[in-house]
Amino acid sequence: MNDVSVAGRLIAVFPAKSFQGAEKSGKFATLMIADNDGILRVVLWNEKAELVEKGELKTNQAVRLMHGYTRDDRYGKTELHLGGKSQIEIEPEDKATEYPPIEKFTAKIKTLNVMSGNVLISGTVRAILGKTNFTRNDSTDGIVMRLTLADDSGQVTVVVWNEKAAELQNVKANARLLLVNAKVKETQNGGVEVHVDSNTFVDAQAVIG
């Protein structure tokens, strides 16, 4: 679809990245926006991505995204793209209070199951279970970190991979975490754990609830 406009609350803002191709180069940034019906992935290109670099787009803001176009990602899910002709309005007066704060979109830990897929959860770090270095099949090094995250409904083990483990290397017990687009997986004993990788937005400074 062309000329698509949506509004909602920003629940994730990923850092801008540069790319260099054979025919063109530029930069892009990824957002996740939520309204009362669901969550949508948004890709900002070039000058729109600069709004992320400048810190003008932040989590928990209400925004209106205008004149974008939709594409399917590699998994077949629809995402919105904003380019040079698109417009972004931050905290529009008629939308600023329309959408709930981020915590209203979070799933309770006790509701997580193998069918949950990608989820948004928040909670308090109960314990750091350790960090391990490993070597991948291609001989590159990796890091995996495990911690226990709890909310008022229960607790779950969170498995944090590679650059996200480095991002959370200084996190301590009693810290608050917001995880957006984390993936629920089944454990060997039939339980569940939450995996955090490069596709997950992590906010260790968020104040939830």
C-alpha atoms as a PDB file:
ATOM      1  CA  MET A   1       0.000   0.000   0.000  1.00  0.00           C
ATOM      2  CA  ASN A   2       1.139   3.525  -0.787  1.00  0.00           C
ATOM      3  CA  ASP A   3       0.395   6.763   1.100  1.00  0.00           C
ATOM      4  CA  VAL A   4      -0.308   5.114   4.442  1.00  0.00           C
ATOM      5  CA  SER A   5      -0.683   7.110   7.665  1.00  0.00           C
ATOM      6  CA  VAL A   6      -0.870   5.671  11.184  1.00  0.00           C
ATOM      7  CA  ALA A   7      -0.718   6.964  14.751  1.00  0.00           C
ATOM      8  CA  GLY A   8       0.183   5.338  18.046  1.00  0.00           C
ATOM      9  CA  ARG A   9       2.736   5.193  20.853  1.00  0.00           C
ATOM     10  CA  LEU A  10       6.420   4.401  20.334  1.00  0.00           C
ATOM     11  CA  ILE A  11       7.302   1.299  22.317  1.00  0.00           C
ATOM     12  CA  ALA A  12      10.780   0.746  20.825  1.00  0.00           C
ATOM     13  CA  VAL A  13      13.386   2.939  19.119  1.00  0.00           C
ATOM     14  CA  PHE A  14      16.439   1.098  17.760  1.00  0.00           C
ATOM     15  CA  PRO A  15      19.714   2.944  16.985  1.00  0.00           C
ATOM     16  CA  ALA A  16      20.180   4.238  13.439  1.00  0.00           C
ATOM     17  CA  LYS A  17      22.529   2.248  11.191  1.00  0.00           C
ATOM     18  CA  SER A  18      24.415   3.106   8.011  1.00  0.00           C
ATOM     19  CA  PHE A  19      24.572   0.895   4.943  1.00  0.00           C
ATOM     20  CA  GLN A  20      26.807   0.811   1.882  1.00  0.00           C
ATOM     21  CA  GLY A  21      25.548  -0.905  -1.242  1.00  0.00           C
ATOM     22  CA  ALA A  22      26.781  -1.301  -4.783  1.00  0.00           C
ATOM     23  CA  GLU A  23      24.333   1.286  -6.096  1.00  0.00           C
ATOM     24  CA  LYS A  24      23.480   3.434  -3.084  1.00  0.00           C
ATOM     25  CA  SER A  25      24.315   4.111   0.525  1.00  0.00           C
ATOM     26  CA  GLY A  26      22.462   5.730   3.383  1.00  0.00           C
ATOM     27  CA  LYS A  27      21.094   5.096   6.844  1.00  0.00           C
ATOM     28  CA  PHE A  28      18.003   3.614   8.409  1.00  0.00           C
ATOM     29  CA  ALA A  29      16.425   3.201  11.839  1.00  0.00           C
ATOM     30  CA  THR A  30      13.721   0.909  13.123  1.00  0.00           C
ATOM     31  CA  LEU A  31      10.803   1.764  15.410  1.00  0.00           C
ATOM     32  CA  MET A  32       7.929  -0.212  16.879  1.00  0.00           C
ATOM     33  CA  ILE A  33       4.618   1.590  17.304  1.00  0.00           C
ATOM     34  CA  ALA A  34       1.517   0.362  19.126  1.00  0.00           C
ATOM     35  CA  ASP A  35      -2.106   1.416  19.196  1.00  0.00           C
ATOM     36  CA  ASN A  36      -5.141  -0.180  20.792  1.00  0.00           C
ATOM     37  CA  ASP A  37      -5.276  -2.843  18.047  1.00  0.00           C
ATOM     38  CA  GLY A  38      -1.691  -4.058  17.757  1.00  0.00           C
ATOM     39  CA  ILE A  39       2.010  -3.428  17.147  1.00  0.00           C
ATOM     40  CA  LEU A  40       3.655  -2.377  13.867  1.00  0.00           C
ATOM     41  CA  ARG A  41       7.322  -2.310  12.830  1.00  0.00           C
ATOM     42  CA  VAL A  42       8.399   0.926  11.152  1.00  0.00           C
ATOM     43  CA  VAL A  43      11.559   1.589   9.095  1.00  0.00           C
ATOM     44  CA  LEU A  44      12.860   5.146   8.729  1.00  0.00           C
ATOM     45  CA  TRP A  45      15.181   5.956   5.836  1.00  0.00           C
ATOM     46  CA  ASN A  46      17.982   8.547   5.582  1.00  0.00           C
ATOM     47  CA  GLU A  47      16.860  11.984   6.883  1.00  0.00           C
ATOM     48  CA  LYS A  48      13.996  10.402   8.802  1.00  0.00           C
ATOM     49  CA  ALA A  49      16.516   8.127  10.528  1.00  0.00           C
ATOM     50  CA  GLU A  50      18.395  11.241  11.620  1.00  0.00           C
ATOM     51  CA  LEU A  51      15.507  11.993  14.003  1.00  0.00           C
ATOM     52  CA  VAL A  52      16.627   8.921  15.947  1.00  0.00           C
ATOM     53  CA  GLU A  53      20.288   9.968  15.852  1.00  0.00           C
ATOM     54  CA  LYS A  54      19.347  13.393  17.208  1.00  0.00           C
ATOM     55  CA  GLY A  55      17.283  11.871  20.024  1.00  0.00           C
ATOM     56  CA  GLU A  56      14.063  13.500  18.836  1.00  0.00           C
ATOM     57  CA  LEU A  57      12.188  10.198  18.691  1.00  0.00           C
ATOM     58  CA  LYS A  58      11.948   8.416  22.044  1.00  0.00           C
ATOM     59  CA  THR A  59      10.017   5.556  23.579  1.00  0.00           C
ATOM     60  CA  ASN A  60       6.644   6.399  25.109  1.00  0.00           C
ATOM     61  CA  GLN A  61       6.010   9.310  22.713  1.00  0.00           C
ATOM     62  CA  ALA A  62       2.739   9.474  20.806  1.00  0.00           C
ATOM     63  CA  VAL A  63       3.422  10.001  17.112  1.00  0.00           C
ATOM     64  CA  ARG A  64       1.620  10.366  13.810  1.00  0.00           C
ATOM     65  CA  LEU A  65       3.441   8.823  10.821  1.00  0.00           C
ATOM     66  CA  MET A  66       2.163  10.104   7.487  1.00  0.00           C
ATOM     67  CA  HIS A  67       2.590   9.269   3.797  1.00  0.00           C
ATOM     68  CA  GLY A  68       4.504   6.039   4.218  1.00  0.00           C
ATOM     69  CA  TYR A  69       4.296   2.792   2.250  1.00  0.00           C
ATOM     70  CA  THR A  70       3.988  -0.814   3.357  1.00  0.00           C
ATOM     71  CA  ARG A  71       6.153  -3.821   2.601  1.00  0.00           C
ATOM     72  CA  ASP A  72       6.224  -7.390   3.838  1.00  0.00           C
ATOM     73  CA  ASP A  73       9.279  -8.369   5.853  1.00  0.00           C
ATOM     74  CA  ARG A  74      11.104 -11.661   5.338  1.00  0.00           C
ATOM     75  CA  TYR A  75       8.570 -13.414   7.572  1.00  0.00           C
ATOM     76  CA  GLY A  76       5.588 -12.081   5.617  1.00  0.00           C
ATOM     77  CA  LYS A  77       4.558  -9.531   8.243  1.00  0.00           C
ATOM     78  CA  THR A  78       3.572  -6.045   7.120  1.00  0.00           C
ATOM     79  CA  GLU A  79       5.840  -3.165   8.076  1.00  0.00           C
ATOM     80  CA  LEU A  80       5.645   0.569   7.365  1.00  0.00           C
ATOM     81  CA  HIS A  81       8.455   2.462   5.588  1.00  0.00           C
ATOM     82  CA  LEU A  82       8.975   6.227   5.752  1.00  0.00           C
ATOM     83  CA  GLY A  83      11.106   8.014   3.152  1.00  0.00           C
ATOM     84  CA  GLY A  84      11.744  11.503   1.856  1.00  0.00           C
ATOM     85  CA  LYS A  85       8.085  12.333   1.167  1.00  0.00           C
ATOM     86  CA  SER A  86       6.868  11.024   4.532  1.00  0.00           C
ATOM     87  CA  GLN A  87       6.124  13.176   7.554  1.00  0.00           C
ATOM     88  CA  ILE A  88       6.433  12.537  11.297  1.00  0.00           C
ATOM     89  CA  GLU A  89       4.499  14.467  13.909  1.00  0.00           C
ATOM     90  CA  ILE A  90       5.674  14.019  17.516  1.00  0.00           C
ATOM     91  CA  GLU A  91       3.159  14.298  20.372  1.00  0.00           C
ATOM     92  CA  PRO A  92       0.255  15.561  18.238  1.00  0.00           C
ATOM     93  CA  GLU A  93      -2.267  17.268  20.498  1.00  0.00           C
ATOM     94  CA  ASP A  94      -5.160  15.068  19.402  1.00  0.00           C
ATOM     95  CA  LYS A  95      -3.197  11.819  19.936  1.00  0.00           C
ATOM     96  CA  ALA A  96      -0.905  12.473  22.911  1.00  0.00           C
ATOM     97  CA  THR A  97      -3.376  11.080  25.464  1.00  0.00           C
ATOM     98  CA  GLU A  98      -5.279   8.691  23.203  1.00  0.00           C
ATOM     99  CA  TYR A  99      -2.952   5.720  23.534  1.00  0.00           C
ATOM    100  CA  PRO A 100      -2.071   3.945  26.792  1.00  0.00           C
ATOM    101  CA  PRO A 101       1.467   4.115  28.223  1.00  0.00           C
ATOM    102  CA  ILE A 102       3.885   1.314  27.394  1.00  0.00           C
ATOM    103  CA  GLU A 103       3.054  -0.818  30.427  1.00  0.00           C
ATOM    104  CA  LYS A 104      -0.487  -1.328  29.113  1.00  0.00           C
ATOM    105  CA  PHE A 105       0.940  -3.256  26.151  1.00  0.00           C
ATOM    106  CA  THR A 106       3.065  -5.639  28.241  1.00  0.00           C
ATOM    107  CA  ALA A 107       2.217  -9.302  28.766  1.00  0.00           C
ATOM    108  CA  LYS A 108       2.179 -10.776  32.258  1.00  0.00           C
ATOM    109  CA  ILE A 109       4.913 -13.352  32.806  1.00  0.00           C
ATOM    110  CA  LYS A 110       2.450 -15.995  34.029  1.00  0.00           C
ATOM    111  CA  THR A 111       0.633 -15.866  30.663  1.00  0.00           C
ATOM    112  CA  LEU A 112       3.726 -16.759  28.602  1.00  0.00           C
ATOM    113  CA  ASN A 113       3.609 -20.085  26.778  1.00  0.00           C
ATOM    114  CA  VAL A 114       5.210 -21.777  23.773  1.00  0.00           C
ATOM    115  CA  MET A 115       2.591 -20.192  21.505  1.00  0.00           C
ATOM    116  CA  SER A 116       3.300 -16.626  22.694  1.00  0.00           C
ATOM    117  CA  GLY A 117       5.910 -15.937  20.010  1.00  0.00           C
ATOM    118  CA  ASN A 118       7.359 -12.433  20.204  1.00  0.00           C
ATOM    119  CA  VAL A 119       6.302 -10.514  23.301  1.00  0.00           C
ATOM    120  CA  LEU A 120       6.667  -7.258  25.190  1.00  0.00           C
ATOM    121  CA  ILE A 121       7.327  -7.777  28.900  1.00  0.00           C
ATOM    122  CA  SER A 122       8.640  -5.741  31.805  1.00  0.00           C
ATOM    123  CA  GLY A 123       9.762  -6.564  35.302  1.00  0.00           C
ATOM    124  CA  THR A 124      12.453  -6.512  37.956  1.00  0.00           C
ATOM    125  CA  VAL A 125      15.715  -8.433  37.722  1.00  0.00           C
ATOM    126  CA  ARG A 126      15.697 -10.927  40.593  1.00  0.00           C
ATOM    127  CA  ALA A 127      19.083 -12.519  39.933  1.00  0.00           C
ATOM    128  CA  ILE A 128      21.944 -12.588  37.438  1.00  0.00           C
ATOM    129  CA  LEU A 129      22.509 -16.259  36.639  1.00  0.00           C
ATOM    130  CA  GLY A 130      25.825 -15.869  34.845  1.00  0.00           C
ATOM    131  CA  LYS A 131      27.475 -15.093  31.534  1.00  0.00           C
ATOM    132  CA  THR A 132      29.271 -17.530  29.227  1.00  0.00           C
ATOM    133  CA  ASN A 133      31.549 -17.042  26.245  1.00  0.00           C
ATOM    134  CA  PHE A 134      31.250 -19.565  23.425  1.00  0.00           C
ATOM    135  CA  THR A 135      32.559 -20.214  19.911  1.00  0.00           C
ATOM    136  CA  ARG A 136      30.124 -20.485  17.019  1.00  0.00           C
ATOM    137  CA  ASN A 137      30.390 -23.016  14.186  1.00  0.00           C
ATOM    138  CA  ASP A 138      32.036 -20.342  12.025  1.00  0.00           C
ATOM    139  CA  SER A 139      34.737 -19.869  14.717  1.00  0.00           C
ATOM    140  CA  THR A 140      33.481 -16.424  15.759  1.00  0.00           C
ATOM    141  CA  ASP A 141      33.000 -15.667  19.449  1.00  0.00           C
ATOM    142  CA  GLY A 142      29.640 -15.216  21.125  1.00  0.00           C
ATOM    143  CA  ILE A 143      28.264 -14.370  24.573  1.00  0.00           C
ATOM    144  CA  VAL A 144      25.168 -15.638  26.345  1.00  0.00           C
ATOM    145  CA  MET A 145      23.882 -14.228  29.633  1.00  0.00           C
ATOM    146  CA  ARG A 146      21.044 -15.485  31.795  1.00  0.00           C
ATOM    147  CA  LEU A 147      18.958 -13.645  34.369  1.00  0.00           C
ATOM    148  CA  THR A 148      15.675 -14.029  36.213  1.00  0.00           C
ATOM    149  CA  LEU A 149      12.980 -11.430  35.537  1.00  0.00           C
ATOM    150  CA  ALA A 150       9.894 -11.095  37.720  1.00  0.00           C
ATOM    151  CA  ASP A 151       6.626  -9.164  37.706  1.00  0.00           C
ATOM    152  CA  ASP A 152       3.637  -9.358  40.040  1.00  0.00           C
ATOM    153  CA  SER A 153       2.428 -12.559  38.344  1.00  0.00           C
ATOM    154  CA  GLY A 154       5.574 -14.699  38.379  1.00  0.00           C
ATOM    155  CA  GLN A 155       9.119 -14.980  37.096  1.00  0.00           C
ATOM    156  CA  VAL A 156      10.942 -16.334  34.049  1.00  0.00           C
ATOM    157  CA  THR A 157      14.506 -16.975  32.911  1.00  0.00           C
ATOM    158  CA  VAL A 158      15.714 -14.520  30.269  1.00  0.00           C
ATOM    159  CA  VAL A 159      18.485 -15.631  27.883  1.00  0.00           C
ATOM    160  CA  VAL A 160      20.399 -12.670  26.429  1.00  0.00           C
ATOM    161  CA  TRP A 161      22.596 -13.145  23.369  1.00  0.00           C
ATOM    162  CA  ASN A 162      25.754 -11.437  22.080  1.00  0.00           C
ATOM    163  CA  GLU A 163      25.539  -7.629  21.665  1.00  0.00           C
ATOM    164  CA  LYS A 164      22.513  -7.477  23.950  1.00  0.00           C
ATOM    165  CA  ALA A 165      24.488  -9.335  26.623  1.00  0.00           C
ATOM    166  CA  ALA A 166      27.195  -6.706  26.258  1.00  0.00           C
ATOM    167  CA  GLU A 167      24.519  -4.011  26.500  1.00  0.00           C
ATOM    168  CA  LEU A 168      23.294  -5.472  29.797  1.00  0.00           C
ATOM    169  CA  GLN A 169      26.696  -6.392  31.228  1.00  0.00           C
ATOM    170  CA  ASN A 170      26.363  -3.879  34.073  1.00  0.00           C
ATOM    171  CA  VAL A 171      22.747  -4.648  34.975  1.00  0.00           C
ATOM    172  CA  LYS A 172      22.234  -5.749  38.575  1.00  0.00           C
ATOM    173  CA  ALA A 173      19.539  -7.326  40.713  1.00  0.00           C
ATOM    174  CA  ASN A 174      16.527  -5.058  41.356  1.00  0.00           C
ATOM    175  CA  ALA A 175      17.016  -3.194  38.068  1.00  0.00           C
ATOM    176  CA  ARG A 176      13.897  -2.632  35.976  1.00  0.00           C
ATOM    177  CA  LEU A 177      13.853  -3.999  32.432  1.00  0.00           C
ATOM    178  CA  LEU A 178      11.568  -3.457  29.465  1.00  0.00           C
ATOM    179  CA  LEU A 179      11.914  -6.025  26.662  1.00  0.00           C
ATOM    180  CA  VAL A 180      10.179  -5.398  23.343  1.00  0.00           C
ATOM    181  CA  ASN A 181      10.083  -8.109  20.665  1.00  0.00           C
ATOM    182  CA  ALA A 182      11.649 -10.795  22.849  1.00  0.00           C
ATOM    183  CA  LYS A 183      10.904 -14.390  21.852  1.00  0.00           C
ATOM    184  CA  VAL A 184       9.363 -17.064  24.074  1.00  0.00           C
ATOM    185  CA  LYS A 185      10.895 -20.525  23.610  1.00  0.00           C
ATOM    186  CA  GLU A 186      10.277 -23.902  25.210  1.00  0.00           C
ATOM    187  CA  THR A 187      12.887 -25.338  27.576  1.00  0.00           C
ATOM    188  CA  GLN A 188      14.022 -28.958  27.691  1.00  0.00           C
ATOM    189  CA  ASN A 189      11.847 -29.624  30.743  1.00  0.00           C
ATOM    190  CA  GLY A 190       8.709 -28.283  29.064  1.00  0.00           C
ATOM    191  CA  GLY A 191       8.758 -24.803  30.608  1.00  0.00           C
ATOM    192  CA  VAL A 192       9.413 -21.516  28.849  1.00  0.00           C
ATOM    193  CA  GLU A 193      12.182 -18.948  28.770  1.00  0.00           C
ATOM    194  CA  VAL A 194      12.487 -15.585  27.049  1.00  0.00           C
ATOM    195  CA  HIS A 195      15.254 -14.986  24.496  1.00  0.00           C
ATOM    196  CA  VAL A 196      16.707 -11.546  23.760  1.00  0.00           C
ATOM    197  CA  ASP A 197      18.732 -10.962  20.573  1.00  0.00           C
ATOM    198  CA  SER A 198      19.555  -8.183  18.105  1.00  0.00           C
ATOM    199  CA  ASN A 199      15.869  -7.880  17.152  1.00  0.00           C
ATOM    200  CA  THR A 200      14.877  -7.078  20.750  1.00  0.00           C
ATOM    201  CA  PHE A 201      14.634  -3.563  22.130  1.00  0.00           C
ATOM    202  CA  VAL A 202      15.994  -3.445  25.687  1.00  0.00           C
ATOM    203  CA  ASP A 203      15.459  -0.536  28.078  1.00  0.00           C
ATOM    204  CA  ALA A 204      17.140  -0.933  31.436  1.00  0.00           C
ATOM    205  CA  GLN A 205      16.209   2.601  32.492  1.00  0.00           C
ATOM    206  CA  ALA A 206      12.463   2.428  31.905  1.00  0.00           C
ATOM    207  CA  VAL A 207      10.127   3.172  34.789  1.00  0.00           C
ATOM    208  CA  ILE A 208       7.220   0.796  34.426  1.00  0.00           C
ATOM    209  CA  GLY A 209       4.087   0.844  36.531  1.00  0.00           C
END
